[in-house]
Amino acid sequence: MQLLSPAHFSDYELLDCGDFEKLERFGKYITIRPEPQAVWPKIWSNADWEKQAHVKFIPRSSSSGDWKKLKQMPDQWEIRYSFAKLKGAKKDLHDLVFRLGLTSFKHVGVFPEQAVNWDKIFNFLVEKEQPKFLNLFAYTGGASIAAKAAGADVTHVDSIKQVVTWANENMQKSKLDNIRWLVDDALKFVKKEQRRGNLYQGIILDPPAFGHGPAGEKWKLEDNIAEMMHNVLQILDPKEHLLILNAYSLGFSALVPENLLKPFAQKHKSELSIGELYLEAKSCVKLPLGVWGNLKKA
């Protein structure tokens, strides 16, 4: 099992975490947000946290809340992520640019730990000739624009129209174009692609623990993930592929993605790997942020 954490995300830093909160730097601004995985005490004092932070999220319910500004800062700002040091990256390759914002559901527009997967996607796809890439539960498009930067034909699927619009904005800010944007239920879309006989050389899915499709379709990770993976694997090119399955859910083991992916790996002689994503704080504590499973065949 592999423990993976971003190695070169200069515009992001986890500073400390504990007592069910995390202190993070996104570019020039520092936030305090809830973090259910941070069950241990903070390393730094509350006074140190509030002295550094620009803004703190105050929950009103389990799904929404308000931001309390502790220092002057904008409601929206930008950060960058560079592939310049990766093998195969072009010298004139633009940075990925993310527009961040203070949303009512505690997120700011990027999951920094996913930078590990952006690197995997870029490294795999950049060596292929016009590969097809599918991003399911795609959020604001980090994996989508990473794949497009590598030259892939990219399809981006999310159930929330405003989030897809946000991802499109990130693509444009990153000086990229021609991603296919779809507001759709991920499982329904995959089944349609299966009927059409379409295959993808790259697929990533990062399903939530709970969610809803655009027509009210219900998603619960432990109830629906087996059906989802059965259908996703039908549209994965068996000859050459990279599939990344993320699962951020309290209590999920990395053996779950292993068991879901192992039959395909054995049948098609794919390389199967599993592990956890984490972020290491400046205070030296490590924050777990979900398990993953990969299938790879070059």
C-alpha atoms as a PDB file:
ATOM      1  CA  MET A   1       0.000   0.000   0.000  1.00  0.00           C
ATOM      2  CA  GLN A   2       1.306   3.452  -0.943  1.00  0.00           C
ATOM      3  CA  LEU A   3       0.851   6.700   0.999  1.00  0.00           C
ATOM      4  CA  LEU A   4       0.884   9.615  -1.446  1.00  0.00           C
ATOM      5  CA  SER A   5       1.030  13.368  -0.875  1.00  0.00           C
ATOM      6  CA  PRO A   6       1.588  16.313  -3.268  1.00  0.00           C
ATOM      7  CA  ALA A   7       5.274  17.081  -3.742  1.00  0.00           C
ATOM      8  CA  HIS A   8       5.350  20.440  -5.551  1.00  0.00           C
ATOM      9  CA  PHE A   9       2.192  22.477  -4.907  1.00  0.00           C
ATOM     10  CA  SER A  10       3.789  25.808  -4.000  1.00  0.00           C
ATOM     11  CA  ASP A  11       0.461  27.698  -3.860  1.00  0.00           C
ATOM     12  CA  TYR A  12      -0.965  25.369  -1.207  1.00  0.00           C
ATOM     13  CA  GLU A  13       0.164  24.418   2.297  1.00  0.00           C
ATOM     14  CA  LEU A  14      -1.495  22.589   5.169  1.00  0.00           C
ATOM     15  CA  LEU A  15      -0.218  24.443   8.217  1.00  0.00           C
ATOM     16  CA  ASP A  16      -1.811  22.506  11.079  1.00  0.00           C
ATOM     17  CA  CYS A  17      -4.876  20.383  11.809  1.00  0.00           C
ATOM     18  CA  GLY A  18      -6.664  18.979  14.838  1.00  0.00           C
ATOM     19  CA  ASP A  19      -9.792  19.286  16.960  1.00  0.00           C
ATOM     20  CA  PHE A  20     -11.810  18.629  13.780  1.00  0.00           C
ATOM     21  CA  GLU A  21     -10.391  21.666  11.945  1.00  0.00           C
ATOM     22  CA  LYS A  22      -7.577  22.446   9.503  1.00  0.00           C
ATOM     23  CA  LEU A  23      -5.476  25.569   8.948  1.00  0.00           C
ATOM     24  CA  GLU A  24      -4.516  25.963   5.271  1.00  0.00           C
ATOM     25  CA  ARG A  25      -2.760  28.442   2.990  1.00  0.00           C
ATOM     26  CA  PHE A  26      -4.201  28.890  -0.493  1.00  0.00           C
ATOM     27  CA  GLY A  27      -1.895  31.313  -2.272  1.00  0.00           C
ATOM     28  CA  LYS A  28      -1.725  34.450  -0.120  1.00  0.00           C
ATOM     29  CA  TYR A  29      -4.698  33.636   2.089  1.00  0.00           C
ATOM     30  CA  ILE A  30      -5.084  31.360   5.113  1.00  0.00           C
ATOM     31  CA  THR A  31      -8.336  29.607   5.985  1.00  0.00           C
ATOM     32  CA  ILE A  32      -9.743  27.659   8.930  1.00  0.00           C
ATOM     33  CA  ARG A  33     -12.196  24.939   7.884  1.00  0.00           C
ATOM     34  CA  PRO A  34     -13.877  21.900   9.474  1.00  0.00           C
ATOM     35  CA  GLU A  35     -12.101  18.550   8.980  1.00  0.00           C
ATOM     36  CA  PRO A  36     -13.844  15.402  10.300  1.00  0.00           C
ATOM     37  CA  GLN A  37     -10.684  13.283   9.986  1.00  0.00           C
ATOM     38  CA  ALA A  38      -8.668  15.530  12.345  1.00  0.00           C
ATOM     39  CA  VAL A  39      -9.669  13.796  15.583  1.00  0.00           C
ATOM     40  CA  TRP A  40      -6.411  14.585  17.458  1.00  0.00           C
ATOM     41  CA  PRO A  41      -5.562  17.828  19.316  1.00  0.00           C
ATOM     42  CA  LYS A  42      -4.098  20.768  17.397  1.00  0.00           C
ATOM     43  CA  ILE A  43      -0.316  21.063  17.487  1.00  0.00           C
ATOM     44  CA  TRP A  44      -0.393  24.866  17.472  1.00  0.00           C
ATOM     45  CA  SER A  45      -2.510  26.955  19.834  1.00  0.00           C
ATOM     46  CA  ASN A  46      -5.882  28.481  18.929  1.00  0.00           C
ATOM     47  CA  ALA A  47      -4.249  31.886  19.327  1.00  0.00           C
ATOM     48  CA  ASP A  48      -1.609  30.966  16.732  1.00  0.00           C
ATOM     49  CA  TRP A  49      -4.325  29.809  14.334  1.00  0.00           C
ATOM     50  CA  GLU A  50      -6.436  32.937  14.617  1.00  0.00           C
ATOM     51  CA  LYS A  51      -3.373  35.192  14.408  1.00  0.00           C
ATOM     52  CA  GLN A  52      -2.484  33.705  11.018  1.00  0.00           C
ATOM     53  CA  ALA A  53      -5.914  33.101   9.480  1.00  0.00           C
ATOM     54  CA  HIS A  54      -7.705  35.472   7.137  1.00  0.00           C
ATOM     55  CA  VAL A  55     -11.056  33.704   7.345  1.00  0.00           C
ATOM     56  CA  LYS A  56     -12.839  30.973   9.318  1.00  0.00           C
ATOM     57  CA  PHE A  57     -15.786  28.812   8.325  1.00  0.00           C
ATOM     58  CA  ILE A  58     -18.604  28.728  10.919  1.00  0.00           C
ATOM     59  CA  PRO A  59     -20.982  25.778  10.341  1.00  0.00           C
ATOM     60  CA  ARG A  60     -24.738  26.363  10.540  1.00  0.00           C
ATOM     61  CA  SER A  61     -25.606  22.742   9.755  1.00  0.00           C
ATOM     62  CA  SER A  62     -23.841  19.588   8.554  1.00  0.00           C
ATOM     63  CA  SER A  63     -23.926  20.892   4.973  1.00  0.00           C
ATOM     64  CA  SER A  64     -23.685  24.690   5.118  1.00  0.00           C
ATOM     65  CA  GLY A  65     -22.334  27.652   7.020  1.00  0.00           C
ATOM     66  CA  ASP A  66     -20.826  31.131   6.848  1.00  0.00           C
ATOM     67  CA  TRP A  67     -17.329  32.565   6.562  1.00  0.00           C
ATOM     68  CA  LYS A  68     -16.107  34.959   9.249  1.00  0.00           C
ATOM     69  CA  LYS A  69     -13.347  37.220   7.948  1.00  0.00           C
ATOM     70  CA  LEU A  70     -10.569  37.808  10.486  1.00  0.00           C
ATOM     71  CA  LYS A  71      -8.478  39.904   8.095  1.00  0.00           C
ATOM     72  CA  GLN A  72      -9.176  41.695   4.848  1.00  0.00           C
ATOM     73  CA  MET A  73      -9.296  39.382   1.829  1.00  0.00           C
ATOM     74  CA  PRO A  74     -11.368  38.979  -1.360  1.00  0.00           C
ATOM     75  CA  ASP A  75     -14.264  36.530  -1.718  1.00  0.00           C
ATOM     76  CA  GLN A  76     -12.564  35.120  -4.830  1.00  0.00           C
ATOM     77  CA  TRP A  77      -8.889  34.676  -5.745  1.00  0.00           C
ATOM     78  CA  GLU A  78      -6.605  32.471  -7.856  1.00  0.00           C
ATOM     79  CA  ILE A  79      -3.917  29.860  -7.265  1.00  0.00           C
ATOM     80  CA  ARG A  80      -1.668  27.976  -9.704  1.00  0.00           C
ATOM     81  CA  TYR A  81      -0.276  24.486 -10.153  1.00  0.00           C
ATOM     82  CA  SER A  82       2.686  23.747 -12.411  1.00  0.00           C
ATOM     83  CA  PHE A  83       3.611  20.640 -14.411  1.00  0.00           C
ATOM     84  CA  ALA A  84       6.868  22.253 -15.561  1.00  0.00           C
ATOM     85  CA  LYS A  85       9.100  19.806 -13.656  1.00  0.00           C
ATOM     86  CA  LEU A  86       7.324  16.673 -14.872  1.00  0.00           C
ATOM     87  CA  LYS A  87       8.820  14.408 -17.512  1.00  0.00           C
ATOM     88  CA  GLY A  88       7.431  15.180 -20.962  1.00  0.00           C
ATOM     89  CA  ALA A  89       6.125  18.624 -20.022  1.00  0.00           C
ATOM     90  CA  LYS A  90       6.564  21.241 -22.721  1.00  0.00           C
ATOM     91  CA  LYS A  91       8.623  24.285 -21.846  1.00  0.00           C
ATOM     92  CA  ASP A  92       5.754  26.582 -22.891  1.00  0.00           C
ATOM     93  CA  LEU A  93       3.110  24.636 -20.923  1.00  0.00           C
ATOM     94  CA  HIS A  94       0.915  27.013 -18.954  1.00  0.00           C
ATOM     95  CA  ASP A  95       0.213  26.513 -15.272  1.00  0.00           C
ATOM     96  CA  LEU A  96      -3.153  25.146 -14.234  1.00  0.00           C
ATOM     97  CA  VAL A  97      -5.100  28.073 -12.776  1.00  0.00           C
ATOM     98  CA  PHE A  98      -7.893  27.651 -10.227  1.00  0.00           C
ATOM     99  CA  ARG A  99     -10.348  30.346  -9.266  1.00  0.00           C
ATOM    100  CA  LEU A 100     -11.119  29.874  -5.575  1.00  0.00           C
ATOM    101  CA  GLY A 101     -14.068  31.217  -3.631  1.00  0.00           C
ATOM    102  CA  LEU A 102     -15.682  31.171  -0.199  1.00  0.00           C
ATOM    103  CA  THR A 103     -18.694  28.875  -0.661  1.00  0.00           C
ATOM    104  CA  SER A 104     -21.525  28.198   1.764  1.00  0.00           C
ATOM    105  CA  PHE A 105     -20.605  24.488   1.882  1.00  0.00           C
ATOM    106  CA  LYS A 106     -17.061  25.038   3.328  1.00  0.00           C
ATOM    107  CA  HIS A 107     -15.167  24.188   0.132  1.00  0.00           C
ATOM    108  CA  VAL A 108     -13.054  26.763  -1.723  1.00  0.00           C
ATOM    109  CA  GLY A 109     -12.912  25.119  -5.163  1.00  0.00           C
ATOM    110  CA  VAL A 110     -10.011  22.679  -5.072  1.00  0.00           C
ATOM    111  CA  PHE A 111      -9.029  19.477  -3.251  1.00  0.00           C
ATOM    112  CA  PRO A 112      -5.234  19.947  -2.916  1.00  0.00           C
ATOM    113  CA  GLU A 113      -4.448  16.287  -2.201  1.00  0.00           C
ATOM    114  CA  GLN A 114      -5.706  15.495  -5.714  1.00  0.00           C
ATOM    115  CA  ALA A 115      -2.558  17.091  -7.163  1.00  0.00           C
ATOM    116  CA  VAL A 116      -1.019  13.606  -6.827  1.00  0.00           C
ATOM    117  CA  ASN A 117      -3.579  12.364  -9.326  1.00  0.00           C
ATOM    118  CA  TRP A 118      -3.122  15.341 -11.665  1.00  0.00           C
ATOM    119  CA  ASP A 119       0.529  14.319 -11.972  1.00  0.00           C
ATOM    120  CA  LYS A 120      -0.391  10.680 -12.641  1.00  0.00           C
ATOM    121  CA  ILE A 121      -2.885  11.682 -15.313  1.00  0.00           C
ATOM    122  CA  PHE A 122      -0.496  14.073 -17.039  1.00  0.00           C
ATOM    123  CA  ASN A 123       2.413  11.614 -16.994  1.00  0.00           C
ATOM    124  CA  PHE A 124       0.301   8.790 -18.452  1.00  0.00           C
ATOM    125  CA  LEU A 125      -1.605  10.748 -21.105  1.00  0.00           C
ATOM    126  CA  VAL A 126       1.197  12.988 -22.376  1.00  0.00           C
ATOM    127  CA  GLU A 127       2.859   9.966 -24.003  1.00  0.00           C
ATOM    128  CA  LYS A 128      -0.335   8.923 -25.869  1.00  0.00           C
ATOM    129  CA  GLU A 129      -1.702  10.181 -29.180  1.00  0.00           C
ATOM    130  CA  GLN A 130      -5.081  11.870 -28.594  1.00  0.00           C
ATOM    131  CA  PRO A 131      -6.249   9.599 -25.763  1.00  0.00           C
ATOM    132  CA  LYS A 132      -9.828   9.825 -24.502  1.00  0.00           C
ATOM    133  CA  PHE A 133     -10.213  10.814 -20.845  1.00  0.00           C
ATOM    134  CA  LEU A 134     -13.314  10.792 -18.630  1.00  0.00           C
ATOM    135  CA  ASN A 135     -13.671  12.653 -15.330  1.00  0.00           C
ATOM    136  CA  LEU A 136     -16.692  11.554 -13.257  1.00  0.00           C
ATOM    137  CA  PHE A 137     -17.963  13.461 -10.192  1.00  0.00           C
ATOM    138  CA  ALA A 138     -15.601  15.997 -11.696  1.00  0.00           C
ATOM    139  CA  TYR A 139     -16.134  19.037  -9.425  1.00  0.00           C
ATOM    140  CA  THR A 140     -14.154  22.120 -10.555  1.00  0.00           C
ATOM    141  CA  GLY A 141     -12.046  20.210 -13.043  1.00  0.00           C
ATOM    142  CA  GLY A 142      -8.521  19.761 -11.715  1.00  0.00           C
ATOM    143  CA  ALA A 143      -8.199  16.329 -13.331  1.00  0.00           C
ATOM    144  CA  SER A 144      -9.976  17.530 -16.481  1.00  0.00           C
ATOM    145  CA  ILE A 145      -7.583  20.394 -17.156  1.00  0.00           C
ATOM    146  CA  ALA A 146      -4.583  18.208 -16.234  1.00  0.00           C
ATOM    147  CA  ALA A 147      -5.705  15.728 -18.911  1.00  0.00           C
ATOM    148  CA  LYS A 148      -6.327  18.499 -21.432  1.00  0.00           C
ATOM    149  CA  ALA A 149      -2.866  19.949 -20.733  1.00  0.00           C
ATOM    150  CA  ALA A 150      -1.475  16.506 -21.653  1.00  0.00           C
ATOM    151  CA  GLY A 151      -3.315  16.609 -25.000  1.00  0.00           C
ATOM    152  CA  ALA A 152      -6.283  14.341 -24.232  1.00  0.00           C
ATOM    153  CA  ASP A 153      -9.832  14.458 -25.574  1.00  0.00           C
ATOM    154  CA  VAL A 154     -11.583  15.212 -22.274  1.00  0.00           C
ATOM    155  CA  THR A 155     -15.160  14.635 -21.083  1.00  0.00           C
ATOM    156  CA  HIS A 156     -16.112  16.217 -17.751  1.00  0.00           C
ATOM    157  CA  VAL A 157     -19.263  15.020 -15.931  1.00  0.00           C
ATOM    158  CA  ASP A 158     -20.790  16.529 -12.797  1.00  0.00           C
ATOM    159  CA  SER A 159     -24.387  16.793 -11.585  1.00  0.00           C
ATOM    160  CA  ILE A 160     -24.229  20.464 -10.504  1.00  0.00           C
ATOM    161  CA  LYS A 161     -24.434  23.092 -13.262  1.00  0.00           C
ATOM    162  CA  GLN A 162     -22.743  25.848 -11.235  1.00  0.00           C
ATOM    163  CA  VAL A 163     -19.748  23.591 -10.524  1.00  0.00           C
ATOM    164  CA  VAL A 164     -19.396  22.698 -14.225  1.00  0.00           C
ATOM    165  CA  THR A 165     -19.456  26.440 -15.045  1.00  0.00           C
ATOM    166  CA  TRP A 166     -16.713  26.945 -12.438  1.00  0.00           C
ATOM    167  CA  ALA A 167     -14.622  24.176 -14.056  1.00  0.00           C
ATOM    168  CA  ASN A 168     -15.044  25.823 -17.469  1.00  0.00           C
ATOM    169  CA  GLU A 169     -13.742  29.068 -15.984  1.00  0.00           C
ATOM    170  CA  ASN A 170     -10.670  27.219 -14.646  1.00  0.00           C
ATOM    171  CA  MET A 171     -10.030  25.759 -18.107  1.00  0.00           C
ATOM    172  CA  GLN A 172     -10.130  29.204 -19.695  1.00  0.00           C
ATOM    173  CA  LYS A 173      -7.900  30.724 -17.005  1.00  0.00           C
ATOM    174  CA  SER A 174      -5.435  27.884 -17.703  1.00  0.00           C
ATOM    175  CA  LYS A 175      -5.400  28.886 -21.418  1.00  0.00           C
ATOM    176  CA  LEU A 176      -6.884  25.561 -22.529  1.00  0.00           C
ATOM    177  CA  ASP A 177     -10.009  24.759 -24.536  1.00  0.00           C
ATOM    178  CA  ASN A 178     -12.346  22.121 -26.003  1.00  0.00           C
ATOM    179  CA  ILE A 179     -13.268  20.119 -22.904  1.00  0.00           C
ATOM    180  CA  ARG A 180     -16.686  18.479 -23.266  1.00  0.00           C
ATOM    181  CA  TRP A 181     -18.832  19.687 -20.351  1.00  0.00           C
ATOM    182  CA  LEU A 182     -21.823  17.593 -19.229  1.00  0.00           C
ATOM    183  CA  VAL A 183     -24.308  18.180 -16.400  1.00  0.00           C
ATOM    184  CA  ASP A 184     -25.440  14.601 -15.850  1.00  0.00           C
ATOM    185  CA  ASP A 185     -25.767  11.793 -13.351  1.00  0.00           C
ATOM    186  CA  ALA A 186     -22.456   9.902 -13.448  1.00  0.00           C
ATOM    187  CA  LEU A 187     -23.941   6.394 -13.395  1.00  0.00           C
ATOM    188  CA  LYS A 188     -26.531   7.190 -16.066  1.00  0.00           C
ATOM    189  CA  PHE A 189     -23.836   8.705 -18.295  1.00  0.00           C
ATOM    190  CA  VAL A 190     -21.547   5.685 -17.932  1.00  0.00           C
ATOM    191  CA  LYS A 191     -24.390   3.330 -18.862  1.00  0.00           C
ATOM    192  CA  LYS A 192     -25.109   5.427 -21.966  1.00  0.00           C
ATOM    193  CA  GLU A 193     -21.449   5.308 -22.974  1.00  0.00           C
ATOM    194  CA  GLN A 194     -21.475   1.544 -22.493  1.00  0.00           C
ATOM    195  CA  ARG A 195     -24.461   1.196 -24.845  1.00  0.00           C
ATOM    196  CA  ARG A 196     -22.695   3.413 -27.398  1.00  0.00           C
ATOM    197  CA  GLY A 197     -19.592   1.211 -27.244  1.00  0.00           C
ATOM    198  CA  ASN A 198     -17.295   4.088 -26.302  1.00  0.00           C
ATOM    199  CA  LEU A 199     -13.951   3.340 -24.626  1.00  0.00           C
ATOM    200  CA  TYR A 200     -11.624   5.605 -22.657  1.00  0.00           C
ATOM    201  CA  GLN A 201      -7.878   5.271 -22.095  1.00  0.00           C
ATOM    202  CA  GLY A 202      -8.106   7.371 -18.918  1.00  0.00           C
ATOM    203  CA  ILE A 203     -10.855   7.526 -16.281  1.00  0.00           C
ATOM    204  CA  ILE A 204     -10.898   9.125 -12.854  1.00  0.00           C
ATOM    205  CA  LEU A 205     -13.794   9.122 -10.423  1.00  0.00           C
ATOM    206  CA  ASP A 206     -13.927  10.781  -7.037  1.00  0.00           C
ATOM    207  CA  PRO A 207     -17.426   9.980  -5.765  1.00  0.00           C
ATOM    208  CA  PRO A 208     -18.768  11.636  -2.614  1.00  0.00           C
ATOM    209  CA  ALA A 209     -20.074   9.722   0.378  1.00  0.00           C
ATOM    210  CA  PHE A 210     -23.527  11.154  -0.383  1.00  0.00           C
ATOM    211  CA  GLY A 211     -24.887  13.076  -3.356  1.00  0.00           C
ATOM    212  CA  HIS A 212     -27.688  13.725  -5.832  1.00  0.00           C
ATOM    213  CA  GLY A 213     -27.908  13.743  -9.611  1.00  0.00           C
ATOM    214  CA  PRO A 214     -29.449  16.638 -11.593  1.00  0.00           C
ATOM    215  CA  ALA A 215     -32.863  14.897 -11.619  1.00  0.00           C
ATOM    216  CA  GLY A 216     -32.722  14.009  -7.920  1.00  0.00           C
ATOM    217  CA  GLU A 217     -30.977  10.655  -8.358  1.00  0.00           C
ATOM    218  CA  LYS A 218     -29.654   9.468  -5.000  1.00  0.00           C
ATOM    219  CA  TRP A 219     -26.019   8.460  -4.492  1.00  0.00           C
ATOM    220  CA  LYS A 220     -24.658   6.694  -1.411  1.00  0.00           C
ATOM    221  CA  LEU A 221     -21.092   5.465  -1.748  1.00  0.00           C
ATOM    222  CA  GLU A 222     -21.367   2.079  -0.047  1.00  0.00           C
ATOM    223  CA  ASP A 223     -24.695   1.310  -1.772  1.00  0.00           C
ATOM    224  CA  ASN A 224     -23.776   2.381  -5.310  1.00  0.00           C
ATOM    225  CA  ILE A 225     -20.025   2.003  -5.776  1.00  0.00           C
ATOM    226  CA  ALA A 226     -20.127  -1.675  -6.847  1.00  0.00           C
ATOM    227  CA  GLU A 227     -22.660  -0.979  -9.618  1.00  0.00           C
ATOM    228  CA  MET A 228     -20.743   2.130 -10.673  1.00  0.00           C
ATOM    229  CA  MET A 229     -17.430   0.292 -10.969  1.00  0.00           C
ATOM    230  CA  HIS A 230     -19.004  -2.635 -12.833  1.00  0.00           C
ATOM    231  CA  ASN A 231     -20.201  -0.196 -15.488  1.00  0.00           C
ATOM    232  CA  VAL A 232     -17.113   2.030 -15.508  1.00  0.00           C
ATOM    233  CA  LEU A 233     -14.858  -0.952 -16.185  1.00  0.00           C
ATOM    234  CA  GLN A 234     -16.946  -1.784 -19.262  1.00  0.00           C
ATOM    235  CA  ILE A 235     -15.862   1.491 -20.893  1.00  0.00           C
ATOM    236  CA  LEU A 236     -12.173   1.306 -19.893  1.00  0.00           C
ATOM    237  CA  ASP A 237      -9.955   0.404 -22.857  1.00  0.00           C
ATOM    238  CA  PRO A 238      -8.546  -3.037 -21.931  1.00  0.00           C
ATOM    239  CA  LYS A 239      -5.470  -2.560 -24.164  1.00  0.00           C
ATOM    240  CA  GLU A 240      -4.077   0.616 -22.565  1.00  0.00           C
ATOM    241  CA  HIS A 241      -5.514   2.518 -19.646  1.00  0.00           C
ATOM    242  CA  LEU A 242      -5.188   4.453 -16.430  1.00  0.00           C
ATOM    243  CA  LEU A 243      -8.098   4.292 -14.009  1.00  0.00           C
ATOM    244  CA  ILE A 244      -8.078   6.138 -10.692  1.00  0.00           C
ATOM    245  CA  LEU A 245     -10.765   5.477  -8.094  1.00  0.00           C
ATOM    246  CA  ASN A 246     -10.816   7.772  -5.056  1.00  0.00           C
ATOM    247  CA  ALA A 247     -12.970   7.168  -1.993  1.00  0.00           C
ATOM    248  CA  TYR A 248     -13.126   9.818   0.708  1.00  0.00           C
ATOM    249  CA  SER A 249     -15.324   8.210   3.357  1.00  0.00           C
ATOM    250  CA  LEU A 250     -14.719   7.728   7.069  1.00  0.00           C
ATOM    251  CA  GLY A 251     -13.921   4.086   7.720  1.00  0.00           C
ATOM    252  CA  PHE A 252     -13.264   2.983   4.117  1.00  0.00           C
ATOM    253  CA  SER A 253     -10.219   0.751   3.726  1.00  0.00           C
ATOM    254  CA  ALA A 254      -7.909   0.734   0.693  1.00  0.00           C
ATOM    255  CA  LEU A 255      -8.905  -2.914   0.363  1.00  0.00           C
ATOM    256  CA  VAL A 256     -12.313  -1.726  -0.905  1.00  0.00           C
ATOM    257  CA  PRO A 257     -10.946  -0.300  -4.195  1.00  0.00           C
ATOM    258  CA  GLU A 258      -8.581  -3.273  -4.431  1.00  0.00           C
ATOM    259  CA  ASN A 259     -11.476  -5.729  -4.292  1.00  0.00           C
ATOM    260  CA  LEU A 260     -13.491  -3.698  -6.815  1.00  0.00           C
ATOM    261  CA  LEU A 261     -10.629  -3.497  -9.329  1.00  0.00           C
ATOM    262  CA  LYS A 262      -8.860  -6.832  -8.882  1.00  0.00           C
ATOM    263  CA  PRO A 263     -11.030  -8.953 -11.255  1.00  0.00           C
ATOM    264  CA  PHE A 264     -10.398  -6.510 -14.136  1.00  0.00           C
ATOM    265  CA  ALA A 265      -6.676  -6.383 -13.316  1.00  0.00           C
ATOM    266  CA  GLN A 266      -6.402 -10.174 -13.415  1.00  0.00           C
ATOM    267  CA  LYS A 267      -8.405 -10.511 -16.628  1.00  0.00           C
ATOM    268  CA  HIS A 268      -6.535  -7.803 -18.567  1.00  0.00           C
ATOM    269  CA  LYS A 269      -3.110  -8.073 -16.888  1.00  0.00           C
ATOM    270  CA  SER A 270      -3.284  -4.542 -15.488  1.00  0.00           C
ATOM    271  CA  GLU A 271      -0.977  -3.184 -12.818  1.00  0.00           C
ATOM    272  CA  LEU A 272      -3.128  -2.713  -9.688  1.00  0.00           C
ATOM    273  CA  SER A 273      -2.024  -0.457  -6.844  1.00  0.00           C
ATOM    274  CA  ILE A 274      -3.808   0.878  -3.764  1.00  0.00           C
ATOM    275  CA  GLY A 275      -3.131   3.351  -1.008  1.00  0.00           C
ATOM    276  CA  GLU A 276      -4.112   6.514   0.839  1.00  0.00           C
ATOM    277  CA  LEU A 277      -3.848  10.194   0.042  1.00  0.00           C
ATOM    278  CA  TYR A 278      -2.661  12.518   2.796  1.00  0.00           C
ATOM    279  CA  LEU A 279      -1.352  16.003   3.430  1.00  0.00           C
ATOM    280  CA  GLU A 280       1.568  16.644   5.775  1.00  0.00           C
ATOM    281  CA  ALA A 281       1.209  19.823   7.782  1.00  0.00           C
ATOM    282  CA  LYS A 282       3.919  22.351   8.509  1.00  0.00           C
ATOM    283  CA  SER A 283       3.353  21.327  12.137  1.00  0.00           C
ATOM    284  CA  CYS A 284       4.417  17.773  11.057  1.00  0.00           C
ATOM    285  CA  VAL A 285       1.058  16.058  11.644  1.00  0.00           C
ATOM    286  CA  LYS A 286      -0.344  13.989   8.729  1.00  0.00           C
ATOM    287  CA  LEU A 287      -3.970  14.339   7.618  1.00  0.00           C
ATOM    288  CA  PRO A 288      -5.534  11.301   5.851  1.00  0.00           C
ATOM    289  CA  LEU A 289      -7.781  12.276   2.939  1.00  0.00           C
ATOM    290  CA  GLY A 290      -9.164   9.111   1.447  1.00  0.00           C
ATOM    291  CA  VAL A 291      -8.183   5.813  -0.102  1.00  0.00           C
ATOM    292  CA  TRP A 292      -7.495   5.102  -3.759  1.00  0.00           C
ATOM    293  CA  GLY A 293      -7.042   2.297  -6.241  1.00  0.00           C
ATOM    294  CA  ASN A 294      -5.312   2.494  -9.634  1.00  0.00           C
ATOM    295  CA  LEU A 295      -5.359   0.309 -12.713  1.00  0.00           C
ATOM    296  CA  LYS A 296      -2.587   0.955 -15.229  1.00  0.00           C
ATOM    297  CA  LYS A 297      -1.636  -0.679 -18.504  1.00  0.00           C
ATOM    298  CA  ALA A 298       0.629   1.205 -20.890  1.00  0.00           C
END
